[in-house]
Amino acid sequence: MEFYNVKKRQKVDVSDNHLKKTIYEGKGGQKRFAVRSVDDDGTKLTKFISKDTYDSLQVPTE
């Protein structure tokens, strides 16, 4: 999956075995679906995705 690394200011490609999916819940009950990972230089990466993409991903949940 492709992420944008803010530190490097470029897109990086992360293999699926390094991904974890998570759900962020806001105060009003809004749910945001995301995929998290860590780049090779230690930068934490987060990408917000749709619920359909979240449901179709076969990666562990955080």
PDB file of N, CA and C in Angstrom:
ATOM      1  N   MET A   1       0.848  -1.175   0.000  1.00  0.00           N
ATOM      2  CA  MET A   1       0.000   0.000   0.000  1.00  0.00           C
ATOM      3  C   MET A   1       0.893   1.238   0.000  1.00  0.00           C
ATOM      4  N   GLU A   2       0.428   2.267  -0.651  1.00  0.00           N
ATOM      5  CA  GLU A   2       1.219   3.481  -0.796  1.00  0.00           C
ATOM      6  C   GLU A   2       0.840   4.504   0.278  1.00  0.00           C
ATOM      7  N   PHE A   3       1.844   5.058   0.952  1.00  0.00           N
ATOM      8  CA  PHE A   3       1.674   6.092   1.968  1.00  0.00           C
ATOM      9  C   PHE A   3       2.467   7.323   1.544  1.00  0.00           C
ATOM     10  N   TYR A   4       2.136   8.480   2.129  1.00  0.00           N
ATOM     11  CA  TYR A   4       2.944   9.678   1.937  1.00  0.00           C
ATOM     12  C   TYR A   4       3.753   9.889   3.205  1.00  0.00           C
ATOM     13  N   ASN A   5       5.077   9.892   3.076  1.00  0.00           N
ATOM     14  CA  ASN A   5       5.968  10.111   4.210  1.00  0.00           C
ATOM     15  C   ASN A   5       6.244  11.606   4.297  1.00  0.00           C
ATOM     16  N   VAL A   6       5.748  12.254   5.352  1.00  0.00           N
ATOM     17  CA  VAL A   6       5.888  13.695   5.515  1.00  0.00           C
ATOM     18  C   VAL A   6       7.350  14.075   5.736  1.00  0.00           C
ATOM     19  N   LYS A   7       8.074  13.245   6.448  1.00  0.00           N
ATOM     20  CA  LYS A   7       9.480  13.529   6.740  1.00  0.00           C
ATOM     21  C   LYS A   7      10.327  13.520   5.463  1.00  0.00           C
ATOM     22  N   LYS A   8      10.106  12.541   4.599  1.00  0.00           N
ATOM     23  CA  LYS A   8      10.858  12.429   3.343  1.00  0.00           C
ATOM     24  C   LYS A   8      10.261  13.282   2.224  1.00  0.00           C
ATOM     25  N   ARG A   9       8.997  13.710   2.401  1.00  0.00           N
ATOM     26  CA  ARG A   9       8.241  14.466   1.397  1.00  0.00           C
ATOM     27  C   ARG A   9       8.115  13.699   0.085  1.00  0.00           C
ATOM     28  N   GLN A  10       7.816  12.407   0.218  1.00  0.00           N
ATOM     29  CA  GLN A  10       7.596  11.585  -0.966  1.00  0.00           C
ATOM     30  C   GLN A  10       6.726  10.388  -0.612  1.00  0.00           C
ATOM     31  N   LYS A  11       6.184   9.751  -1.630  1.00  0.00           N
ATOM     32  CA  LYS A  11       5.368   8.564  -1.420  1.00  0.00           C
ATOM     33  C   LYS A  11       6.268   7.359  -1.224  1.00  0.00           C
ATOM     34  N   VAL A  12       5.865   6.473  -0.310  1.00  0.00           N
ATOM     35  CA  VAL A  12       6.610   5.245  -0.051  1.00  0.00           C
ATOM     36  C   VAL A  12       5.653   4.067  -0.162  1.00  0.00           C
ATOM     37  N   ASP A  13       6.173   2.936  -0.573  1.00  0.00           N
ATOM     38  CA  ASP A  13       5.373   1.728  -0.720  1.00  0.00           C
ATOM     39  C   ASP A  13       5.695   0.785   0.435  1.00  0.00           C
ATOM     40  N   VAL A  14       4.661   0.318   1.145  1.00  0.00           N
ATOM     41  CA  VAL A  14       4.829  -0.560   2.299  1.00  0.00           C
ATOM     42  C   VAL A  14       4.139  -1.886   1.991  1.00  0.00           C
ATOM     43  N   SER A  15       4.823  -2.988   2.263  1.00  0.00           N
ATOM     44  CA  SER A  15       4.230  -4.301   1.991  1.00  0.00           C
ATOM     45  C   SER A  15       3.106  -4.594   2.986  1.00  0.00           C
ATOM     46  N   ASP A  16       2.173  -5.449   2.578  1.00  0.00           N
ATOM     47  CA  ASP A  16       0.986  -5.733   3.387  1.00  0.00           C
ATOM     48  C   ASP A  16       1.306  -6.399   4.722  1.00  0.00           C
ATOM     49  N   ASN A  17       2.428  -7.082   4.843  1.00  0.00           N
ATOM     50  CA  ASN A  17       2.735  -7.749   6.114  1.00  0.00           C
ATOM     51  C   ASN A  17       3.208  -6.767   7.186  1.00  0.00           C
ATOM     52  N   HIS A  18       3.383  -5.477   6.855  1.00  0.00           N
ATOM     53  CA  HIS A  18       3.748  -4.459   7.839  1.00  0.00           C
ATOM     54  C   HIS A  18       2.565  -3.552   8.199  1.00  0.00           C
ATOM     55  N   LEU A  19       1.382  -3.850   7.683  1.00  0.00           N
ATOM     56  CA  LEU A  19       0.210  -2.998   7.893  1.00  0.00           C
ATOM     57  C   LEU A  19      -0.629  -3.469   9.072  1.00  0.00           C
ATOM     58  N   LYS A  20      -1.289  -2.501   9.724  1.00  0.00           N
ATOM     59  CA  LYS A  20      -2.296  -2.784  10.745  1.00  0.00           C
ATOM     60  C   LYS A  20      -3.438  -1.806  10.517  1.00  0.00           C
ATOM     61  N   LYS A  21      -4.675  -2.309  10.636  1.00  0.00           N
ATOM     62  CA  LYS A  21      -5.815  -1.421  10.438  1.00  0.00           C
ATOM     63  C   LYS A  21      -6.402  -1.028  11.786  1.00  0.00           C
ATOM     64  N   THR A  22      -6.992   0.168  11.832  1.00  0.00           N
ATOM     65  CA  THR A  22      -7.543   0.689  13.071  1.00  0.00           C
ATOM     66  C   THR A  22      -8.734   1.594  12.772  1.00  0.00           C
ATOM     67  N   ILE A  23      -9.534   1.849  13.814  1.00  0.00           N
ATOM     68  CA  ILE A  23     -10.688   2.744  13.700  1.00  0.00           C
ATOM     69  C   ILE A  23     -10.531   3.853  14.731  1.00  0.00           C
ATOM     70  N   TYR A  24     -10.625   5.104  14.274  1.00  0.00           N
ATOM     71  CA  TYR A  24     -10.615   6.256  15.170  1.00  0.00           C
ATOM     72  C   TYR A  24     -12.057   6.703  15.354  1.00  0.00           C
ATOM     73  N   GLU A  25     -12.472   6.884  16.615  1.00  0.00           N
ATOM     74  CA  GLU A  25     -13.839   7.324  16.888  1.00  0.00           C
ATOM     75  C   GLU A  25     -13.816   8.720  17.487  1.00  0.00           C
ATOM     76  N   GLY A  26     -14.593   9.630  16.879  1.00  0.00           N
ATOM     77  CA  GLY A  26     -14.675  11.002  17.350  1.00  0.00           C
ATOM     78  C   GLY A  26     -15.708  11.148  18.454  1.00  0.00           C
ATOM     79  N   LYS A  27     -15.789  12.347  19.015  1.00  0.00           N
ATOM     80  CA  LYS A  27     -16.722  12.614  20.113  1.00  0.00           C
ATOM     81  C   LYS A  27     -18.178  12.480  19.682  1.00  0.00           C
ATOM     82  N   GLY A  28     -18.475  12.842  18.449  1.00  0.00           N
ATOM     83  CA  GLY A  28     -19.844  12.779  17.946  1.00  0.00           C
ATOM     84  C   GLY A  28     -20.237  11.412  17.433  1.00  0.00           C
ATOM     85  N   GLY A  29     -19.389  10.417  17.614  1.00  0.00           N
ATOM     86  CA  GLY A  29     -19.687   9.075  17.155  1.00  0.00           C
ATOM     87  C   GLY A  29     -19.194   8.777  15.748  1.00  0.00           C
ATOM     88  N   GLN A  30     -18.515   9.749  15.134  1.00  0.00           N
ATOM     89  CA  GLN A  30     -17.989   9.542  13.781  1.00  0.00           C
ATOM     90  C   GLN A  30     -16.826   8.558  13.820  1.00  0.00           C
ATOM     91  N   LYS A  31     -16.820   7.633  12.875  1.00  0.00           N
ATOM     92  CA  LYS A  31     -15.744   6.648  12.790  1.00  0.00           C
ATOM     93  C   LYS A  31     -14.903   6.931  11.557  1.00  0.00           C
ATOM     94  N   ARG A  32     -13.574   6.928  11.736  1.00  0.00           N
ATOM     95  CA  ARG A  32     -12.630   7.088  10.627  1.00  0.00           C
ATOM     96  C   ARG A  32     -11.824   5.806  10.530  1.00  0.00           C
ATOM     97  N   PHE A  33     -11.758   5.243   9.361  1.00  0.00           N
ATOM     98  CA  PHE A  33     -11.039   3.992   9.133  1.00  0.00           C
ATOM     99  C   PHE A  33      -9.655   4.315   8.593  1.00  0.00           C
ATOM    100  N   ALA A  34      -8.634   3.642   9.136  1.00  0.00           N
ATOM    101  CA  ALA A  34      -7.259   3.959   8.756  1.00  0.00           C
ATOM    102  C   ALA A  34      -6.392   2.712   8.736  1.00  0.00           C
ATOM    103  N   VAL A  35      -5.271   2.844   8.037  1.00  0.00           N
ATOM    104  CA  VAL A  35      -4.231   1.821   8.010  1.00  0.00           C
ATOM    105  C   VAL A  35      -2.977   2.480   8.553  1.00  0.00           C
ATOM    106  N   ARG A  36      -2.264   1.778   9.448  1.00  0.00           N
ATOM    107  CA  ARG A  36      -1.052   2.324  10.055  1.00  0.00           C
ATOM    108  C   ARG A  36       0.133   1.429   9.759  1.00  0.00           C
ATOM    109  N   SER A  37       1.314   2.054   9.738  1.00  0.00           N
ATOM    110  CA  SER A  37       2.551   1.326   9.513  1.00  0.00           C
ATOM    111  C   SER A  37       3.710   2.186   9.993  1.00  0.00           C
ATOM    112  N   VAL A  38       4.927   1.631   9.919  1.00  0.00           N
ATOM    113  CA  VAL A  38       6.143   2.366  10.259  1.00  0.00           C
ATOM    114  C   VAL A  38       7.107   2.210   9.090  1.00  0.00           C
ATOM    115  N   ASP A  39       7.682   3.337   8.644  1.00  0.00           N
ATOM    116  CA  ASP A  39       8.630   3.311   7.527  1.00  0.00           C
ATOM    117  C   ASP A  39       9.992   2.802   8.002  1.00  0.00           C
ATOM    118  N   ASP A  40      10.883   2.536   7.068  1.00  0.00           N
ATOM    119  CA  ASP A  40      12.199   1.994   7.413  1.00  0.00           C
ATOM    120  C   ASP A  40      13.044   2.949   8.250  1.00  0.00           C
ATOM    121  N   ASP A  41      12.764   4.261   8.191  1.00  0.00           N
ATOM    122  CA  ASP A  41      13.505   5.218   9.009  1.00  0.00           C
ATOM    123  C   ASP A  41      12.815   5.506  10.345  1.00  0.00           C
ATOM    124  N   GLY A  42      11.736   4.780  10.665  1.00  0.00           N
ATOM    125  CA  GLY A  42      11.045   4.926  11.942  1.00  0.00           C
ATOM    126  C   GLY A  42       9.875   5.890  11.923  1.00  0.00           C
ATOM    127  N   THR A  43       9.579   6.497  10.788  1.00  0.00           N
ATOM    128  CA  THR A  43       8.465   7.429  10.679  1.00  0.00           C
ATOM    129  C   THR A  43       7.147   6.666  10.722  1.00  0.00           C
ATOM    130  N   LYS A  44       6.235   7.118  11.597  1.00  0.00           N
ATOM    131  CA  LYS A  44       4.918   6.494  11.679  1.00  0.00           C
ATOM    132  C   LYS A  44       4.065   7.000  10.522  1.00  0.00           C
ATOM    133  N   LEU A  45       3.397   6.073   9.852  1.00  0.00           N
ATOM    134  CA  LEU A  45       2.590   6.399   8.681  1.00  0.00           C
ATOM    135  C   LEU A  45       1.132   6.043   8.943  1.00  0.00           C
ATOM    136  N   THR A  46       0.220   6.928   8.552  1.00  0.00           N
ATOM    137  CA  THR A  46      -1.214   6.682   8.673  1.00  0.00           C
ATOM    138  C   THR A  46      -1.881   7.086   7.369  1.00  0.00           C
ATOM    139  N   LYS A  47      -2.792   6.239   6.905  1.00  0.00           N
ATOM    140  CA  LYS A  47      -3.556   6.545   5.695  1.00  0.00           C
ATOM    141  C   LYS A  47      -5.023   6.270   5.988  1.00  0.00           C
ATOM    142  N   PHE A  48      -5.876   7.278   5.776  1.00  0.00           N
ATOM    143  CA  PHE A  48      -7.305   7.106   5.980  1.00  0.00           C
ATOM    144  C   PHE A  48      -7.915   6.497   4.725  1.00  0.00           C
ATOM    145  N   ILE A  49      -8.791   5.510   4.946  1.00  0.00           N
ATOM    146  CA  ILE A  49      -9.364   4.746   3.841  1.00  0.00           C
ATOM    147  C   ILE A  49     -10.877   4.641   4.020  1.00  0.00           C
ATOM    148  N   SER A  50     -11.557   4.169   3.000  1.00  0.00           N
ATOM    149  CA  SER A  50     -13.010   3.989   3.072  1.00  0.00           C
ATOM    150  C   SER A  50     -13.347   2.722   3.861  1.00  0.00           C
ATOM    151  N   LYS A  51     -14.604   2.620   4.292  1.00  0.00           N
ATOM    152  CA  LYS A  51     -15.041   1.445   5.041  1.00  0.00           C
ATOM    153  C   LYS A  51     -14.960   0.190   4.175  1.00  0.00           C
ATOM    154  N   ASP A  52     -15.278   0.311   2.904  1.00  0.00           N
ATOM    155  CA  ASP A  52     -15.203  -0.840   1.994  1.00  0.00           C
ATOM    156  C   ASP A  52     -13.774  -1.367   1.887  1.00  0.00           C
ATOM    157  N   THR A  53     -12.819  -0.459   1.756  1.00  0.00           N
ATOM    158  CA  THR A  53     -11.410  -0.860   1.690  1.00  0.00           C
ATOM    159  C   THR A  53     -10.980  -1.474   3.014  1.00  0.00           C
ATOM    160  N   TYR A  54     -11.426  -0.873   4.128  1.00  0.00           N
ATOM    161  CA  TYR A  54     -11.103  -1.383   5.463  1.00  0.00           C
ATOM    162  C   TYR A  54     -11.594  -2.820   5.620  1.00  0.00           C
ATOM    163  N   ASP A  55     -12.830  -3.068   5.208  1.00  0.00           N
ATOM    164  CA  ASP A  55     -13.415  -4.407   5.344  1.00  0.00           C
ATOM    165  C   ASP A  55     -12.730  -5.434   4.443  1.00  0.00           C
ATOM    166  N   SER A  56     -12.238  -4.997   3.301  1.00  0.00           N
ATOM    167  CA  SER A  56     -11.622  -5.940   2.366  1.00  0.00           C
ATOM    168  C   SER A  56     -10.169  -6.271   2.708  1.00  0.00           C
ATOM    169  N   LEU A  57      -9.521  -5.461   3.542  1.00  0.00           N
ATOM    170  CA  LEU A  57      -8.119  -5.716   3.892  1.00  0.00           C
ATOM    171  C   LEU A  57      -7.994  -6.914   4.825  1.00  0.00           C
ATOM    172  N   GLN A  58      -7.065  -7.783   4.525  1.00  0.00           N
ATOM    173  CA  GLN A  58      -6.806  -8.968   5.345  1.00  0.00           C
ATOM    174  C   GLN A  58      -5.525  -8.763   6.157  1.00  0.00           C
ATOM    175  N   VAL A  59      -5.543  -7.753   7.047  1.00  0.00           N
ATOM    176  CA  VAL A  59      -4.393  -7.452   7.905  1.00  0.00           C
ATOM    177  C   VAL A  59      -4.870  -7.382   9.353  1.00  0.00           C
ATOM    178  N   PRO A  60      -3.954  -7.523  10.336  1.00  0.00           N
ATOM    179  CA  PRO A  60      -4.367  -7.485  11.744  1.00  0.00           C
ATOM    180  C   PRO A  60      -4.944  -6.124  12.151  1.00  0.00           C
ATOM    181  N   THR A  61      -5.807  -6.154  13.159  1.00  0.00           N
ATOM    182  CA  THR A  61      -6.412  -4.940  13.700  1.00  0.00           C
ATOM    183  C   THR A  61      -5.630  -4.486  14.922  1.00  0.00           C
ATOM    184  N   GLU A  62      -5.466  -3.168  15.040  1.00  0.00           N
ATOM    185  CA  GLU A  62      -4.775  -2.596  16.197  1.00  0.00           C
ATOM    186  C   GLU A  62      -5.743  -2.373  17.321  1.00  0.00           C
TER     187      GLU A  62
END
